């Protein structure tokens, strides 16, 4: 069964729209710029949180490693 039978008839679009005015174009450009800046700020914040989490995880792993090494040395000294 062809895909077009699932989707139904093709939509019709209104083609009699007037061109955008210069004010509308400028407002659209300003809106797009603002959206871009907000997206970049959100991505920057997200990357900062990822880096902070990575450092925290690395510090936790280092603490565990130090504890394991200290325990192993204490056992060696105790048995020796």
N, C-alpha and C. Protein backbone atom coordinates (compact mmCIF):
# COMPACT_ATOMS: atom_id res chain seq x y z
N UNK A 1 0.85 -1.17 0.00
CA UNK A 1 0.00 0.00 0.00
C UNK A 1 0.91 1.24 0.00
N UNK A 2 0.73 2.15 -0.93
CA UNK A 2 1.60 3.34 -0.98
C UNK A 2 1.38 4.25 0.21
N UNK A 3 2.44 4.98 0.54
CA UNK A 3 2.41 5.88 1.69
C UNK A 3 1.34 6.96 1.53
N UNK A 4 1.12 7.42 0.31
CA UNK A 4 0.16 8.50 0.09
C UNK A 4 -1.25 8.09 0.50
N UNK A 5 -1.55 6.80 0.44
CA UNK A 5 -2.88 6.37 0.86
C UNK A 5 -3.05 6.47 2.37
N UNK A 6 -1.94 6.39 3.11
CA UNK A 6 -2.00 6.53 4.56
C UNK A 6 -2.13 8.00 4.97
N UNK A 7 -1.48 8.86 4.21
CA UNK A 7 -1.44 10.27 4.56
C UNK A 7 -2.67 11.05 4.12
N UNK A 8 -3.40 10.54 3.18
CA UNK A 8 -4.57 11.25 2.68
C UNK A 8 -4.19 12.20 1.57
N UNK A 9 -5.11 13.09 1.20
CA UNK A 9 -4.83 14.00 0.09
C UNK A 9 -3.74 15.01 0.45
N UNK A 10 -3.06 15.49 -0.58
CA UNK A 10 -2.01 16.48 -0.36
C UNK A 10 -2.63 17.78 0.14
N UNK A 11 -1.98 18.44 1.10
CA UNK A 11 -2.54 19.71 1.61
C UNK A 11 -2.40 20.81 0.58
N UNK A 12 -3.31 21.75 0.64
CA UNK A 12 -3.21 22.92 -0.23
C UNK A 12 -2.74 24.09 0.62
N UNK A 13 -1.90 24.91 0.04
CA UNK A 13 -1.34 26.04 0.77
C UNK A 13 -1.83 27.34 0.15
N UNK A 14 -2.03 28.31 1.00
CA UNK A 14 -2.43 29.64 0.55
C UNK A 14 -1.20 30.32 -0.04
N UNK A 15 -1.28 30.68 -1.29
CA UNK A 15 -0.12 31.26 -1.96
C UNK A 15 -0.29 32.75 -2.21
N UNK A 16 -1.34 33.34 -1.72
CA UNK A 16 -1.58 34.75 -1.97
C UNK A 16 -1.04 35.65 -0.87
N UNK A 17 -0.08 35.15 -0.09
CA UNK A 17 0.46 35.94 1.01
C UNK A 17 1.26 37.12 0.47
N UNK A 18 1.21 38.20 1.18
CA UNK A 18 2.00 39.36 0.79
C UNK A 18 3.41 39.22 1.33
N UNK A 19 4.38 39.81 0.67
CA UNK A 19 5.76 39.73 1.18
C UNK A 19 5.86 40.39 2.55
N UNK A 20 6.81 39.93 3.34
CA UNK A 20 7.01 40.50 4.67
C UNK A 20 7.53 41.93 4.56
N UNK A 21 7.08 42.76 5.46
CA UNK A 21 7.57 44.13 5.50
C UNK A 21 8.98 44.13 6.10
N UNK A 22 9.67 45.24 5.94
CA UNK A 22 11.02 45.35 6.50
C UNK A 22 11.00 45.24 8.02
N UNK A 23 9.96 45.80 8.66
CA UNK A 23 9.85 45.71 10.11
C UNK A 23 9.69 44.26 10.55
N UNK A 24 8.87 43.51 9.82
CA UNK A 24 8.65 42.10 10.15
C UNK A 24 9.94 41.31 9.95
N UNK A 25 10.65 41.60 8.88
CA UNK A 25 11.92 40.91 8.63
C UNK A 25 12.92 41.20 9.75
N UNK A 26 12.97 42.48 10.17
CA UNK A 26 13.90 42.86 11.23
C UNK A 26 13.52 42.18 12.54
N UNK A 27 12.24 42.15 12.86
CA UNK A 27 11.78 41.50 14.08
C UNK A 27 12.05 40.00 14.04
N UNK A 28 11.83 39.40 12.89
CA UNK A 28 12.12 37.97 12.73
C UNK A 28 13.60 37.70 12.93
N UNK A 29 14.45 38.55 12.36
CA UNK A 29 15.90 38.38 12.53
C UNK A 29 16.31 38.55 13.98
N UNK A 30 15.74 39.55 14.67
CA UNK A 30 16.06 39.75 16.08
C UNK A 30 15.61 38.56 16.91
N UNK A 31 14.44 38.02 16.59
CA UNK A 31 13.94 36.84 17.31
C UNK A 31 14.85 35.65 17.09
N UNK A 32 15.26 35.44 15.84
CA UNK A 32 16.16 34.32 15.54
C UNK A 32 17.50 34.48 16.25
N UNK A 33 18.01 35.71 16.30
CA UNK A 33 19.27 35.97 17.01
C UNK A 33 19.13 35.67 18.50
N UNK A 34 18.02 36.09 19.08
CA UNK A 34 17.78 35.84 20.50
C UNK A 34 17.67 34.35 20.79
N UNK A 35 16.97 33.63 19.94
CA UNK A 35 16.85 32.17 20.11
C UNK A 35 18.22 31.52 20.03
N UNK A 36 19.04 31.98 19.08
CA UNK A 36 20.40 31.43 18.93
C UNK A 36 21.22 31.69 20.19
N UNK A 37 21.14 32.90 20.73
CA UNK A 37 21.90 33.24 21.94
C UNK A 37 21.43 32.42 23.14
N UNK A 38 20.13 32.23 23.26
CA UNK A 38 19.61 31.43 24.38
C UNK A 38 20.03 29.97 24.25
N UNK A 39 20.01 29.45 23.03
CA UNK A 39 20.43 28.07 22.82
C UNK A 39 21.91 27.90 23.16
N UNK A 40 22.73 28.85 22.74
CA UNK A 40 24.16 28.79 23.06
C UNK A 40 24.40 28.88 24.56
N UNK A 41 23.65 29.73 25.24
CA UNK A 41 23.80 29.86 26.69
C UNK A 41 23.40 28.56 27.39
N UNK A 42 22.32 27.95 26.93
CA UNK A 42 21.88 26.68 27.53
C UNK A 42 22.91 25.59 27.29
N UNK A 43 23.48 25.53 26.07
CA UNK A 43 24.49 24.50 25.78
C UNK A 43 25.75 24.73 26.61
N UNK A 44 26.14 25.99 26.76
CA UNK A 44 27.33 26.31 27.56
C UNK A 44 27.12 25.90 29.01
N UNK A 45 25.95 26.19 29.55
CA UNK A 45 25.64 25.82 30.93
C UNK A 45 25.64 24.30 31.08
N UNK A 46 25.06 23.61 30.12
CA UNK A 46 25.02 22.15 30.17
C UNK A 46 26.42 21.55 30.12
N UNK A 47 27.28 22.10 29.25
CA UNK A 47 28.65 21.59 29.19
C UNK A 47 29.40 21.86 30.49
N UNK A 48 29.14 23.01 31.12
CA UNK A 48 29.76 23.30 32.40
C UNK A 48 29.34 22.31 33.48
N UNK A 49 28.06 21.96 33.48
CA UNK A 49 27.57 20.97 34.45
C UNK A 49 28.18 19.59 34.19
N UNK A 50 28.33 19.23 32.91
CA UNK A 50 28.95 17.95 32.59
C UNK A 50 30.40 17.91 33.07
N UNK A 51 31.12 19.00 32.86
CA UNK A 51 32.51 19.05 33.31
C UNK A 51 32.60 19.00 34.84
N UNK A 52 31.69 19.69 35.51
CA UNK A 52 31.68 19.66 36.97
C UNK A 52 31.40 18.25 37.47
N UNK A 53 30.45 17.55 36.86
CA UNK A 53 30.16 16.17 37.23
C UNK A 53 31.35 15.26 36.97
N UNK A 54 32.05 15.49 35.86
CA UNK A 54 33.22 14.65 35.54
C UNK A 54 34.32 14.84 36.58
N UNK A 55 34.56 16.08 36.99
CA UNK A 55 35.59 16.35 38.00
C UNK A 55 35.19 15.71 39.34
N UNK A 56 33.91 15.83 39.70
CA UNK A 56 33.44 15.23 40.96
C UNK A 56 33.61 13.72 40.93
N UNK A 57 33.26 13.10 39.81
CA UNK A 57 33.43 11.65 39.69
C UNK A 57 34.89 11.25 39.76
N UNK A 58 35.76 12.03 39.12
CA UNK A 58 37.18 11.72 39.15
C UNK A 58 37.73 11.86 40.57
N UNK A 59 37.30 12.88 41.29
CA UNK A 59 37.76 13.05 42.67
C UNK A 59 37.28 11.90 43.55
N UNK A 60 36.04 11.46 43.34
CA UNK A 60 35.52 10.32 44.11
C UNK A 60 36.30 9.06 43.82
N UNK A 61 36.62 8.84 42.55
CA UNK A 61 37.41 7.66 42.17
C UNK A 61 38.80 7.72 42.78
N UNK A 62 39.40 8.90 42.80
CA UNK A 62 40.73 9.06 43.38
C UNK A 62 40.70 8.79 44.88
N UNK A 63 39.65 9.23 45.55
CA UNK A 63 39.50 8.97 46.98
C UNK A 63 39.41 7.47 47.25
N UNK A 64 38.62 6.78 46.43
CA UNK A 64 38.49 5.32 46.59
C UNK A 64 39.83 4.64 46.33
N UNK A 65 40.53 5.08 45.30
CA UNK A 65 41.83 4.49 44.98
C UNK A 65 42.82 4.69 46.12
N UNK A 66 42.83 5.88 46.70
CA UNK A 66 43.72 6.16 47.82
C UNK A 66 43.37 5.29 49.02
N UNK A 67 42.09 5.12 49.28
CA UNK A 67 41.66 4.28 50.41
C UNK A 67 42.07 2.83 50.19
N UNK A 68 41.94 2.33 48.97
CA UNK A 68 42.33 0.95 48.67
C UNK A 68 43.84 0.77 48.86
N UNK A 69 44.62 1.73 48.37
CA UNK A 69 46.07 1.65 48.50
C UNK A 69 46.49 1.71 49.97
N UNK A 70 45.88 2.59 50.73
CA UNK A 70 46.20 2.70 52.16
C UNK A 70 45.84 1.42 52.90
N UNK A 71 44.70 0.84 52.59
CA UNK A 71 44.28 -0.42 53.23
C UNK A 71 45.24 -1.54 52.87
N UNK A 72 45.65 -1.62 51.61
CA UNK A 72 46.58 -2.67 51.18
C UNK A 72 47.93 -2.51 51.89
N UNK A 73 48.42 -1.29 52.00
CA UNK A 73 49.69 -1.05 52.70
C UNK A 73 49.57 -1.42 54.18
N UNK A 74 48.44 -1.08 54.80
CA UNK A 74 48.24 -1.41 56.21
C UNK A 74 48.20 -2.92 56.40
N UNK A 75 47.57 -3.65 55.51
CA UNK A 75 47.54 -5.12 55.61
C UNK A 75 48.92 -5.73 55.44
N UNK A 76 49.70 -5.18 54.49
CA UNK A 76 51.07 -5.68 54.28
C UNK A 76 51.92 -5.45 55.53
N UNK A 77 51.82 -4.27 56.10
CA UNK A 77 52.59 -3.97 57.30
C UNK A 77 52.13 -4.82 58.49
N UNK A 78 50.86 -5.06 58.60
CA UNK A 78 50.31 -5.86 59.70
C UNK A 78 50.78 -7.31 59.63
N UNK A 79 50.84 -7.84 58.41
CA UNK A 79 51.24 -9.25 58.24
C UNK A 79 52.77 -9.42 58.23
N UNK A 80 53.47 -8.36 57.93
CA UNK A 80 54.92 -8.43 57.74
C UNK A 80 55.66 -8.41 59.01
